[in-house]
Amino acid sequence: MPHQPAEERIKNFLEVALGYSEEQAVSEAKRCLSCKKKPCIVGCPVLIDIPEFIKLTAEGKFLEAAELLKKTNSLPAICGRVCPQEEQCEKYCLLGKTGQPIAIGRIERFIADYEAAHTNGRPKQEVKKDPSLANYAVAVVGSGPAGLTVAGDLAKMGYSVTIFEALHDIGGVLRYGIPEFRLPRDILDREIEYVKSLGVKIVKNVVVGRTVDIKELLNGGFEAVFVGTGAGAPQMMNIPGENLNGVLSGNEWLTRINLMRANQFPNYATPLKHPRKVAVIGAGNTAMDCARTALRVGAEEVTIVYRRSRTEMPARAEEIENAEEEGVKFKLLTNPIRFIGDENGWLKAMECIQMELGEPDDSGRRRPVPIEGSEFIMEVDTAIIAIGQSPNPLIRTTTEGLEVTRWGGIITDEKTGMTSIPGVFAGGDAVTGAATVITAMGAGKIAAKGIDRYIRAKHGLPLPPDTDEQSEQEPEPAEAVK
């Protein structure tokens, strides 16, 4: 796929990947083997009929392919850009056994963009709603990928759906957590408009747990509540100097820039200390986003500091390569042990220790072990801690009877998304901790079906047929197929 040259893109927030042409999309789609067992579908949390939409693309039937995509995925332009297809649908593509799997995500992106370009936005296709469900209301807490998915699916069924968003804009992590050079805001807004066109009502600046709580929603006319509040609470390192000016969490850094437009100060009244030397601690996708964003706001030097080796880095290979192309440095097998400030309380340096890899830990990755006597000092004026996020505690601390894990994830029934409270469902990062956009969407689809069955059973309505297409036995990844 064509990209902006690295030397140009580090000076702007425009999208890096430029997308397929029609000829490229058709050529890539024609590589598909049209496997009878469709193993790639099992790798898709929202169960898109991948071979069929690829086939339509190969035939040049782009609008038909878009219509098929949206039967199961309300956000295809987003998924085509930010989902880790290499660990999901493409992982099961048989072509991956001997070479490159079909570029499913890139074709999905092309189809979604083609539809928008040739229909003045999304066409308002006829959605067959059940009129008997219109009087039943569902509240959705949070407008991230899980919330948008459950809202869209329930609206298609015929329910009256209201999304309550705590922030002043819609999209959750899609808006505050992903930079524009990976997910342009006009693309996000376009996808949200499609969900709204289904009849979903959105109410902003409502903090559920403060403005109103879950019990009040259930007693206020809503048959069910879905909690999709994500994992917005940053994990910190708890080392000396962490409270110095210039030490930020990845969440704060990205939110200030992505949502509050700090990179456009003073046009937007959100100040941001423009850094000179930046250390980003962590090596996931959030860390890569922080590092690449720092370059774009004028940092002279940006370094990823990670306590394991490159093999263990959790970020997508594509994002690591993009960061390297743009000039981000990597200091691996290194871990900060304290932050050092000046007399005014501003960060000026970071003391680190070198690591070596020992035996594997619970994650399956080799455990980093400090090397005694290997401490050294790095000069930095900004440190961004991007080592993970946890679910926000507000819902769990204001909802009596809601069962959670020891680390704060909401406990749900895997098949329905129901929590320990009847009528209250949850999904996405609020349940699993920080994961992928498409995983959250898959949880939203499960919860939408669970809510539908719960309301029908509660009011004696006929239950819908089970249309889940996922096979009982998950096929092996392509690299293991004989």
Protein backbone atom coordinates (compact mmCIF):
# COMPACT_ATOMS: atom_id res chain seq x y z
CA MET A 1 0.00 0.00 0.00
CA PRO A 2 1.34 3.46 -0.83
CA HIS A 3 2.48 5.62 2.11
CA GLN A 4 3.48 9.20 2.72
CA PRO A 5 7.30 9.43 2.65
CA ALA A 6 8.69 9.38 6.20
CA GLU A 7 10.46 12.72 5.86
CA GLU A 8 7.16 14.37 4.94
CA ARG A 9 4.73 12.64 7.26
CA ILE A 10 6.62 13.47 10.47
CA LYS A 11 5.70 17.10 9.79
CA ASN A 12 1.94 16.53 9.64
CA PHE A 13 -0.94 14.54 11.12
CA LEU A 14 -2.31 13.39 7.77
CA GLU A 15 -2.92 9.69 7.24
CA VAL A 16 0.30 7.74 6.64
CA ALA A 17 -1.13 4.85 4.62
CA LEU A 18 -2.81 6.14 1.46
CA GLY A 19 -4.99 3.16 0.57
CA TYR A 20 -5.35 0.85 -2.42
CA SER A 21 -6.35 1.95 -5.89
CA GLU A 22 -9.17 0.03 -7.57
CA GLU A 23 -6.63 -1.95 -9.57
CA GLN A 24 -4.62 -2.86 -6.47
CA ALA A 25 -7.72 -3.93 -4.53
CA VAL A 26 -8.95 -6.15 -7.36
CA SER A 27 -5.51 -7.65 -7.91
CA GLU A 28 -5.11 -8.47 -4.22
CA ALA A 29 -8.66 -9.89 -3.98
CA LYS A 30 -8.05 -12.20 -6.95
CA ARG A 31 -5.36 -13.99 -4.92
CA CYS A 32 -8.08 -15.44 -2.64
CA LEU A 33 -8.47 -19.22 -2.86
CA SER A 34 -12.20 -19.09 -1.89
CA CYS A 35 -11.67 -21.87 0.66
CA LYS A 36 -14.80 -23.94 1.23
CA LYS A 37 -14.33 -24.06 5.01
CA LYS A 38 -13.68 -20.28 5.22
CA PRO A 39 -11.09 -20.48 8.04
CA CYS A 40 -10.51 -16.72 7.98
CA ILE A 41 -14.02 -16.07 9.34
CA VAL A 42 -13.16 -17.82 12.60
CA GLY A 43 -10.37 -15.31 13.12
CA CYS A 44 -12.86 -12.42 12.87
CA PRO A 45 -14.56 -11.48 16.16
CA VAL A 46 -17.55 -10.00 14.28
CA LEU A 47 -17.82 -12.93 11.82
CA ILE A 48 -17.67 -11.05 8.51
CA ASP A 49 -18.20 -13.30 5.49
CA ILE A 50 -14.67 -12.57 4.34
CA PRO A 51 -14.40 -14.84 1.28
CA GLU A 52 -17.66 -13.49 -0.14
CA PHE A 53 -16.76 -9.82 0.24
CA ILE A 54 -13.30 -10.58 -1.21
CA LYS A 55 -14.97 -12.36 -4.16
CA LEU A 56 -17.24 -9.36 -4.82
CA THR A 57 -14.18 -7.10 -4.72
CA ALA A 58 -12.36 -9.28 -7.23
CA GLU A 59 -15.37 -8.95 -9.54
CA GLY A 60 -15.34 -5.17 -9.19
CA LYS A 61 -18.67 -5.17 -7.30
CA PHE A 62 -17.45 -2.73 -4.67
CA LEU A 63 -20.80 -1.41 -3.43
CA GLU A 64 -22.17 -4.93 -3.12
CA ALA A 65 -19.08 -5.83 -1.09
CA ALA A 66 -19.72 -2.82 1.18
CA GLU A 67 -23.32 -3.86 1.73
CA LEU A 68 -22.17 -7.35 2.71
CA LEU A 69 -19.55 -5.95 5.10
CA LYS A 70 -22.09 -3.83 6.95
CA LYS A 71 -24.36 -6.76 7.67
CA THR A 72 -22.00 -7.70 10.47
CA ASN A 73 -19.66 -4.71 10.85
CA SER A 74 -20.91 -1.15 11.30
CA LEU A 75 -17.37 0.29 11.37
CA PRO A 76 -15.46 -1.24 8.40
CA ALA A 77 -13.38 1.85 7.57
CA ILE A 78 -12.10 1.86 11.15
CA CYS A 79 -11.42 -1.86 11.33
CA GLY A 80 -9.61 -1.79 8.02
CA ARG A 81 -7.21 0.76 9.47
CA VAL A 82 -6.52 -0.16 13.07
CA CYS A 83 -7.34 -3.85 13.60
CA PRO A 84 -4.43 -6.32 13.90
CA GLN A 85 -5.59 -8.52 11.02
CA GLU A 86 -2.28 -10.38 11.09
CA GLU A 87 -3.29 -11.85 14.47
CA GLN A 88 -6.92 -12.44 13.52
CA CYS A 89 -8.50 -13.15 10.12
CA GLU A 90 -5.23 -13.12 8.14
CA LYS A 91 -3.65 -15.52 10.63
CA TYR A 92 -5.98 -18.26 9.35
CA CYS A 93 -5.57 -17.50 5.62
CA LEU A 94 -4.16 -20.61 3.94
CA LEU A 95 -1.97 -18.49 1.67
CA GLY A 96 -0.04 -17.51 4.77
CA LYS A 97 1.36 -21.04 4.94
CA THR A 98 3.71 -20.52 2.00
CA GLY A 99 3.73 -16.78 1.50
CA GLN A 100 1.66 -13.67 2.23
CA PRO A 101 -1.97 -14.02 3.36
CA ILE A 102 -4.65 -11.99 1.62
CA ALA A 103 -4.50 -8.37 2.82
CA ILE A 104 -8.03 -8.58 4.20
CA GLY A 105 -7.82 -5.38 6.26
CA ARG A 106 -6.54 -3.30 3.37
CA ILE A 107 -9.30 -4.54 1.09
CA GLU A 108 -11.89 -3.84 3.80
CA ARG A 109 -10.57 -0.29 4.11
CA PHE A 110 -10.71 0.18 0.33
CA ILE A 111 -14.32 -1.04 0.13
CA ALA A 112 -15.47 1.23 2.98
CA ASP A 113 -13.73 4.26 1.47
CA TYR A 114 -15.01 3.48 -2.03
CA GLU A 115 -18.58 3.36 -0.77
CA ALA A 116 -18.22 6.71 1.00
CA ALA A 117 -16.67 8.34 -2.06
CA HIS A 118 -19.35 7.08 -4.44
CA THR A 119 -22.48 7.51 -2.34
CA ASN A 120 -21.85 10.89 -0.61
CA GLY A 121 -21.32 9.03 2.62
CA ARG A 122 -23.08 5.87 3.65
CA PRO A 123 -26.30 5.08 1.77
CA LYS A 124 -29.29 4.70 4.06
CA GLN A 125 -30.02 1.12 3.17
CA GLU A 126 -33.29 -0.41 4.18
CA VAL A 127 -32.97 -1.97 7.62
CA LYS A 128 -35.68 -4.45 8.46
CA LYS A 129 -36.56 -3.58 12.06
CA ASP A 130 -39.03 -5.43 14.24
CA PRO A 131 -41.70 -2.78 15.04
CA SER A 132 -42.72 -4.69 18.19
CA LEU A 133 -39.37 -3.77 19.79
CA ALA A 134 -39.56 0.01 19.33
CA ASN A 135 -41.09 0.58 22.78
CA TYR A 136 -38.20 -1.13 24.57
CA ALA A 137 -35.29 1.17 25.43
CA VAL A 138 -31.65 0.21 26.02
CA ALA A 139 -28.95 2.45 27.53
CA VAL A 140 -25.36 2.13 26.32
CA VAL A 141 -22.65 3.60 28.55
CA GLY A 142 -19.65 4.67 26.48
CA SER A 143 -19.28 5.40 22.77
CA GLY A 144 -16.17 3.41 21.98
CA PRO A 145 -16.09 0.44 19.60
CA ALA A 146 -18.04 -1.88 21.93
CA GLY A 147 -20.72 0.73 22.65
CA LEU A 148 -21.13 1.78 19.00
CA THR A 149 -21.42 -1.87 17.94
CA VAL A 150 -24.02 -2.91 20.51
CA ALA A 151 -25.99 0.27 19.82
CA GLY A 152 -25.94 -0.27 16.06
CA ASP A 153 -26.92 -3.92 16.29
CA LEU A 154 -29.80 -3.26 18.70
CA ALA A 155 -31.04 -0.34 16.58
CA LYS A 156 -31.08 -2.60 13.51
CA MET A 157 -33.24 -5.03 15.46
CA GLY A 158 -35.71 -2.25 16.27
CA TYR A 159 -34.87 -1.20 19.84
CA SER A 160 -34.74 2.42 21.01
CA VAL A 161 -31.09 2.97 21.94
CA THR A 162 -29.42 5.85 23.77
CA ILE A 163 -25.64 6.17 24.16
CA PHE A 164 -24.38 8.10 27.18
CA GLU A 165 -20.85 9.51 26.67
CA ALA A 166 -18.84 11.14 29.45
CA LEU A 167 -16.70 13.28 27.16
CA HIS A 168 -17.67 16.18 24.90
CA ASP A 169 -17.16 14.16 21.74
CA ILE A 170 -18.04 10.68 20.50
CA GLY A 171 -15.83 7.71 19.78
CA GLY A 172 -14.13 6.76 23.03
CA VAL A 173 -10.65 5.32 22.50
CA LEU A 174 -11.14 5.66 18.74
CA ARG A 175 -11.03 9.44 19.21
CA TYR A 176 -8.79 10.05 22.21
CA GLY A 177 -6.43 7.09 21.90
CA ILE A 178 -5.60 6.78 18.19
CA PRO A 179 -3.76 9.57 16.32
CA GLU A 180 -5.20 11.09 13.17
CA PHE A 181 -2.34 9.76 11.06
CA ARG A 182 -3.71 6.27 11.73
CA LEU A 183 -7.43 7.07 11.95
CA PRO A 184 -8.48 10.38 10.35
CA ARG A 185 -11.29 12.13 12.22
CA ASP A 186 -13.46 12.49 9.11
CA ILE A 187 -13.40 8.69 8.78
CA LEU A 188 -14.38 8.24 12.44
CA ASP A 189 -17.13 10.87 12.16
CA ARG A 190 -18.46 9.16 9.03
CA GLU A 191 -18.74 5.82 10.79
CA ILE A 192 -20.45 7.40 13.80
CA GLU A 193 -22.95 9.14 11.50
CA TYR A 194 -23.89 5.75 10.08
CA VAL A 195 -24.67 4.43 13.57
CA LYS A 196 -26.73 7.55 14.28
CA SER A 197 -28.60 7.07 10.98
CA LEU A 198 -29.89 3.77 12.36
CA GLY A 199 -31.83 5.77 14.98
CA VAL A 200 -29.32 5.70 17.84
CA LYS A 201 -29.59 8.73 20.16
CA ILE A 202 -26.35 10.08 21.65
CA VAL A 203 -26.13 12.15 24.83
CA LYS A 204 -22.72 13.68 25.62
CA ASN A 205 -21.23 15.07 28.85
CA VAL A 206 -23.00 12.50 31.04
CA VAL A 207 -20.75 10.67 33.49
CA VAL A 208 -22.57 7.48 34.43
CA GLY A 209 -21.65 6.84 38.04
CA ARG A 210 -21.81 10.55 38.83
CA THR A 211 -24.43 12.35 36.73
CA VAL A 212 -26.62 9.25 36.92
CA ASP A 213 -25.91 5.70 38.05
CA ILE A 214 -26.75 2.28 36.64
CA LYS A 215 -29.66 1.70 39.03
CA GLU A 216 -31.24 5.03 38.05
CA LEU A 217 -31.02 4.08 34.37
CA LEU A 218 -32.75 0.75 35.03
CA ASN A 219 -35.43 2.49 37.06
CA GLY A 220 -35.77 5.29 34.54
CA GLY A 221 -37.33 3.40 31.67
CA PHE A 222 -34.43 1.40 30.26
CA GLU A 223 -34.96 -2.35 29.98
CA ALA A 224 -31.23 -3.06 29.93
CA VAL A 225 -27.90 -1.24 30.27
CA PHE A 226 -24.69 -2.05 28.43
CA VAL A 227 -21.41 -0.90 30.02
CA GLY A 228 -18.69 -0.21 27.47
CA THR A 229 -16.54 2.26 29.37
CA GLY A 230 -13.21 0.91 28.15
CA ALA A 231 -9.89 0.87 29.93
CA GLY A 232 -9.02 4.51 30.41
CA ALA A 233 -7.15 4.33 33.72
CA PRO A 234 -3.39 4.36 33.02
CA GLN A 235 -0.99 1.97 34.71
CA MET A 236 2.02 3.72 36.19
CA MET A 237 5.45 2.43 37.22
CA ASN A 238 5.42 3.58 40.86
CA ILE A 239 9.06 4.64 40.82
CA PRO A 240 10.64 7.76 42.39
CA GLY A 241 10.04 11.03 40.55
CA GLU A 242 6.90 9.90 38.76
CA ASN A 243 5.09 13.06 39.92
CA LEU A 244 7.58 15.43 38.26
CA ASN A 245 6.39 17.86 35.61
CA GLY A 246 7.16 16.31 32.24
CA VAL A 247 6.20 12.76 33.25
CA LEU A 248 2.87 11.81 31.67
CA SER A 249 0.83 8.70 31.05
CA GLY A 250 0.28 7.62 27.46
CA ASN A 251 -3.44 8.27 27.95
CA GLU A 252 -2.91 11.89 28.99
CA TRP A 253 -0.45 12.58 26.19
CA LEU A 254 -2.70 11.14 23.48
CA THR A 255 -5.91 12.63 24.89
CA ARG A 256 -4.43 16.13 25.00
CA ILE A 257 -3.42 15.86 21.35
CA ASN A 258 -6.08 13.64 19.78
CA LEU A 259 -9.19 14.88 21.56
CA MET A 260 -8.21 18.31 22.90
CA ARG A 261 -6.02 19.41 19.96
CA ALA A 262 -3.07 20.50 22.08
CA ASN A 263 -0.86 20.22 18.99
CA GLN A 264 -2.77 23.19 17.55
CA PHE A 265 -2.31 25.57 20.50
CA PRO A 266 -3.28 28.46 20.64
CA ASN A 267 -6.01 27.74 18.09
CA TYR A 268 -7.26 25.19 20.64
CA ALA A 269 -6.81 26.26 24.25
CA THR A 270 -5.07 23.11 25.48
CA PRO A 271 -1.40 23.81 26.30
CA LEU A 272 1.28 21.18 25.75
CA LYS A 273 4.93 21.45 26.72
CA HIS A 274 6.73 20.92 23.46
CA PRO A 275 9.43 18.37 24.21
CA ARG A 276 13.05 18.19 23.11
CA LYS A 277 14.16 14.71 24.21
CA VAL A 278 11.38 12.19 24.80
CA ALA A 279 11.45 8.72 26.32
CA VAL A 280 8.39 6.52 25.78
CA ILE A 281 8.30 3.60 28.21
CA GLY A 282 6.59 0.54 26.71
CA ALA A 283 6.42 -1.11 23.30
CA GLY A 284 2.75 -1.65 22.51
CA ASN A 285 0.66 0.17 19.92
CA THR A 286 -0.04 2.99 22.39
CA ALA A 287 3.70 3.47 22.92
CA MET A 288 4.27 3.66 19.15
CA ASP A 289 1.45 6.20 18.84
CA CYS A 290 2.97 8.32 21.62
CA ALA A 291 6.43 8.21 20.07
CA ARG A 292 5.28 9.04 16.55
CA THR A 293 3.05 11.83 17.87
CA ALA A 294 5.98 13.32 19.81
CA LEU A 295 7.95 13.62 16.58
CA ARG A 296 5.06 15.47 14.97
CA VAL A 297 4.88 18.07 17.73
CA GLY A 298 8.55 18.90 17.26
CA ALA A 299 10.62 16.62 19.48
CA GLU A 300 14.27 16.48 18.44
CA GLU A 301 14.81 12.93 19.69
CA VAL A 302 12.32 10.19 20.63
CA THR A 303 13.34 6.87 22.16
CA ILE A 304 11.27 3.80 22.94
CA VAL A 305 12.54 2.31 26.22
CA TYR A 306 11.49 -1.33 26.64
CA ARG A 307 12.57 -3.88 29.21
CA ARG A 308 12.43 -6.89 26.85
CA SER A 309 13.87 -7.54 23.40
CA ARG A 310 12.39 -6.77 19.99
CA THR A 311 10.95 -10.29 19.73
CA GLU A 312 8.66 -9.64 22.70
CA MET A 313 7.43 -6.20 21.59
CA PRO A 314 3.59 -6.36 21.56
CA ALA A 315 3.01 -3.59 18.98
CA ARG A 316 2.01 -4.46 15.42
CA ALA A 317 5.03 -5.05 13.17
CA GLU A 318 3.68 -2.40 10.79
CA GLU A 319 3.61 0.23 13.55
CA ILE A 320 7.15 -0.62 14.70
CA GLU A 321 8.40 -0.32 11.11
CA ASN A 322 6.62 3.01 10.65
CA ALA A 323 8.18 4.33 13.84
CA GLU A 324 11.66 3.24 12.75
CA GLU A 325 11.22 4.83 9.33
CA GLU A 326 10.25 8.10 11.01
CA GLY A 327 13.35 8.18 13.17
CA VAL A 328 12.19 6.78 16.52
CA LYS A 329 15.10 5.16 18.38
CA PHE A 330 14.82 1.91 20.35
CA LYS A 331 16.62 1.25 23.61
CA LEU A 332 15.74 -2.37 24.37
CA LEU A 333 16.46 -4.53 27.43
CA THR A 334 16.30 -1.30 29.44
CA ASN A 335 14.05 -0.32 32.34
CA PRO A 336 13.68 3.05 34.14
CA ILE A 337 14.20 2.95 37.90
CA ARG A 338 13.76 6.65 38.78
CA PHE A 339 13.02 10.05 37.25
CA ILE A 340 15.31 12.97 38.10
CA GLY A 341 14.06 16.55 38.33
CA ASP A 342 15.58 20.01 38.44
CA GLU A 343 15.16 22.62 41.17
CA ASN A 344 11.81 23.68 39.69
CA GLY A 345 10.28 20.23 39.68
CA TRP A 346 10.70 19.57 35.94
CA LEU A 347 12.04 16.30 34.56
CA LYS A 348 15.64 16.54 33.34
CA ALA A 349 16.86 12.92 33.29
CA MET A 350 15.92 9.30 33.85
CA GLU A 351 18.00 6.62 35.54
CA CYS A 352 17.73 3.21 33.87
CA ILE A 353 19.09 -0.27 34.39
CA GLN A 354 19.96 -2.80 31.73
CA MET A 355 18.07 -6.08 31.64
CA GLU A 356 18.55 -9.64 30.44
CA LEU A 357 15.88 -12.21 29.65
CA GLY A 358 15.27 -15.09 32.02
CA GLU A 359 12.62 -17.80 32.08
CA PRO A 360 9.14 -17.20 30.55
CA ASP A 361 6.51 -15.59 32.82
CA ASP A 362 2.71 -16.10 32.85
CA SER A 363 2.38 -14.25 29.51
CA GLY A 364 4.71 -16.72 27.81
CA ARG A 365 7.35 -14.06 27.26
CA ARG A 366 10.80 -14.37 28.83
CA ARG A 367 10.96 -12.48 32.11
CA PRO A 368 13.29 -9.44 32.16
CA VAL A 369 15.90 -9.59 34.95
CA PRO A 370 17.98 -6.55 36.05
CA ILE A 371 21.75 -6.72 35.50
CA GLU A 372 23.43 -5.66 38.72
CA GLY A 373 25.65 -2.60 38.39
CA SER A 374 24.42 -1.64 34.91
CA GLU A 375 22.62 1.60 35.88
CA PHE A 376 23.03 4.63 33.61
CA ILE A 377 21.47 8.08 33.10
CA MET A 378 19.43 9.23 30.08
CA GLU A 379 18.91 12.93 29.48
CA VAL A 380 15.17 13.50 28.80
CA ASP A 381 12.75 16.36 29.38
CA THR A 382 9.58 14.36 28.71
CA ALA A 383 8.77 10.79 29.73
CA ILE A 384 5.57 9.12 28.54
CA ILE A 385 4.56 5.96 30.41
CA ALA A 386 2.67 3.64 28.06
CA ILE A 387 2.76 0.27 29.78
CA GLY A 388 -0.96 -0.48 29.83
CA GLN A 389 -4.43 0.64 30.91
CA SER A 390 -7.00 -0.65 33.37
CA PRO A 391 -10.79 -0.25 33.53
CA ASN A 392 -11.95 3.01 35.08
CA PRO A 393 -13.12 2.24 38.65
CA LEU A 394 -16.15 4.60 38.59
CA ILE A 395 -18.79 2.11 37.45
CA ARG A 396 -17.67 -0.69 39.75
CA THR A 397 -17.46 1.58 42.79
CA THR A 398 -20.92 3.09 42.26
CA THR A 399 -22.84 -0.05 41.24
CA GLU A 400 -23.78 -2.26 44.17
CA GLY A 401 -23.74 -5.97 43.36
CA LEU A 402 -21.53 -5.71 40.28
CA GLU A 403 -18.93 -8.47 40.42
CA VAL A 404 -15.43 -7.65 39.15
CA THR A 405 -12.05 -9.33 38.98
CA ARG A 406 -9.26 -8.45 41.42
CA TRP A 407 -7.82 -6.04 38.81
CA GLY A 408 -11.17 -4.36 38.14
CA GLY A 409 -12.52 -6.05 35.00
CA ILE A 410 -16.30 -6.57 35.02
CA ILE A 411 -17.22 -10.26 35.17
CA THR A 412 -19.69 -11.33 32.46
CA ASP A 413 -21.24 -14.43 31.00
CA GLU A 414 -19.15 -15.25 27.93
CA LYS A 415 -22.17 -16.28 25.85
CA THR A 416 -24.47 -13.34 26.65
CA GLY A 417 -22.38 -10.51 28.10
CA MET A 418 -24.64 -10.41 31.20
CA THR A 419 -23.03 -9.23 34.43
CA SER A 420 -23.94 -10.31 37.96
CA ILE A 421 -26.83 -7.81 37.84
CA PRO A 422 -29.87 -8.89 35.77
CA GLY A 423 -30.36 -6.50 32.87
CA VAL A 424 -26.83 -5.10 33.07
CA PHE A 425 -24.42 -6.21 30.34
CA ALA A 426 -20.81 -5.30 29.61
CA GLY A 427 -18.13 -5.84 27.01
CA GLY A 428 -14.86 -4.62 25.55
CA ASP A 429 -11.93 -3.30 27.55
CA ALA A 430 -14.14 -2.73 30.62
CA VAL A 431 -14.27 -6.53 30.83
CA THR A 432 -10.99 -7.74 29.35
CA GLY A 433 -8.65 -4.85 30.04
CA ALA A 434 -6.94 -3.09 27.13
CA ALA A 435 -7.39 -5.14 23.94
CA THR A 436 -8.16 -4.48 20.26
CA VAL A 437 -10.93 -2.50 18.58
CA ILE A 438 -12.33 -5.54 16.79
CA THR A 439 -12.30 -7.65 19.99
CA ALA A 440 -14.40 -4.98 21.68
CA MET A 441 -16.75 -4.96 18.70
CA GLY A 442 -17.08 -8.73 18.92
CA ALA A 443 -18.05 -8.40 22.58
CA GLY A 444 -20.59 -5.76 21.59
CA LYS A 445 -22.21 -8.14 19.12
CA ILE A 446 -22.43 -10.89 21.74
CA ALA A 447 -24.00 -8.47 24.22
CA ALA A 448 -26.51 -7.19 21.64
CA LYS A 449 -27.77 -10.74 21.14
CA GLY A 450 -27.81 -11.29 24.91
CA ILE A 451 -29.79 -8.09 25.51
CA ASP A 452 -32.26 -8.99 22.76
CA ARG A 453 -32.91 -12.42 24.28
CA TYR A 454 -33.11 -10.98 27.81
CA ILE A 455 -35.77 -8.41 26.86
CA ARG A 456 -37.74 -10.92 24.80
CA ALA A 457 -37.75 -13.45 27.63
CA LYS A 458 -38.69 -10.76 30.15
CA HIS A 459 -41.73 -9.69 28.14
CA GLY A 460 -42.75 -13.04 26.71
CA LEU A 461 -41.78 -12.19 23.12
CA PRO A 462 -40.75 -14.94 20.69
CA LEU A 463 -37.01 -15.62 20.68
CA PRO A 464 -35.07 -15.05 17.45
CA PRO A 465 -33.29 -17.94 15.70
CA ASP A 466 -29.63 -18.37 16.53
CA THR A 467 -27.77 -17.09 13.49
CA ASP A 468 -24.22 -17.43 14.83
CA GLU A 469 -22.11 -18.66 11.93
CA GLN A 470 -18.97 -19.46 13.92
CA SER A 471 -18.00 -23.11 13.83
CA GLU A 472 -17.79 -25.10 17.04
CA GLN A 473 -14.18 -26.13 16.39
CA GLU A 474 -11.65 -23.42 15.76
CA PRO A 475 -9.26 -24.26 12.90
CA GLU A 476 -5.53 -24.06 13.39
CA PRO A 477 -3.63 -20.98 12.29
CA ALA A 478 -2.37 -21.15 8.70
CA GLU A 479 1.22 -21.81 9.74
CA ALA A 480 0.11 -25.02 11.48
CA VAL A 481 -2.11 -26.33 8.67
CA LYS A 482 -0.74 -29.43 6.98
